[in-house]
Amino acid sequence: MNPIPKVPKELIDSLNKERCASFVGAGLSIGAGYPNWQQLLTILIDHAASQGIIGAEKQNELTDLVVAPNKWLMIAQELSDLYGRSQFQSEIGKIFEEKKANPTKVHRLMIKIPFQFILTTNYDQLIENAYVSKLHSIPKIFTHQDTADFADALWRQDFFILKAHGDLQKKTSIILTEKDYRTVVYAAPGYRALLSAIFTTKTILFLGVSLSDPEIQLLLRSLHDAFQGSGQYHYALISDEDFSATEAAHWRKNYNVHCIRYKPSHNHPELAQFLREIIKGLH
């Protein structure tokens, strides 16, 4: 397998025709120093113990469970119930606010690519901070709470960043549990319809995503019917350590997502190089 996979011609064509957007996953934020799922949950468990919300026995139990990715959503829901929703959202916000990370090389390359908009499950401000140097202002930011404004910007073809799982600047918009996400999606059919429209009319390039990421799984499952009914093809740059050939075939068959697999080296410099190859191929 080549360390830097070839950029699909169809992806370049979509970008040149301004019909492409990017889905940014947790990998880009982790690369900047923010915690991954396991680290975030561990911090929340420890904070709950230090505040007397849980005892030592419960702390040990949750800490033992957190090593298993298939337990993460259950642990997040348990912590949300123990903290109370409002305090849980505040605790997440504090964790990310305490880490003053800067946009990475990948973020700086990403802004050179003419994406129509950015969709992300990340809470942090790395993406908008990267775009400040290009736009000379903070781009429009929407969450699931801003359906009308999001729809208007999509109709006008304005550039924006949609934070599907919330924004640190609006802590009440932060969602982390499956219950939260299903409540947001199914209690807001207009929002779900807009997400469906995005994936059925635009080519999406997934960056920094992992099949083990519960947030990605939640979003894709909730939009499964939209993917099934769409002829639109999407692309995901994926480490072959994260995705087997069988898993890649699953994404292609169920979500119309073509996985561009690469063999990673330390800190995944292949991601930045792939973006450089995209930039070279543009008009």
Foldseek 3Di string as FASTA:
>chain_A
DAQFFDDDPVVQVQLQVQQEEEEEECQQVVLQPADDLLVLLLVLLVVCCVVVLDDPVVSVVLNVVSVDLVCSQVSLVVSCVSCPVLVSLVSSLVSQVVDDTEGDLLLLLVLLGSHLEYEYQDAECRNQRSCCVVVVDRFAEAELVPLVVVVVCVVVSHYYYYNDQYYSVDSVSHDDHLVVNCCSPVVCVSSVVVVLVSLQRGAYEYESDAPSRVVVVSNCVSNQVSQQPHPHAYEYEEECVRDPPVNQVVCCNRRNYHYRYRHADPSRCSSSVNSVSSSVSHD
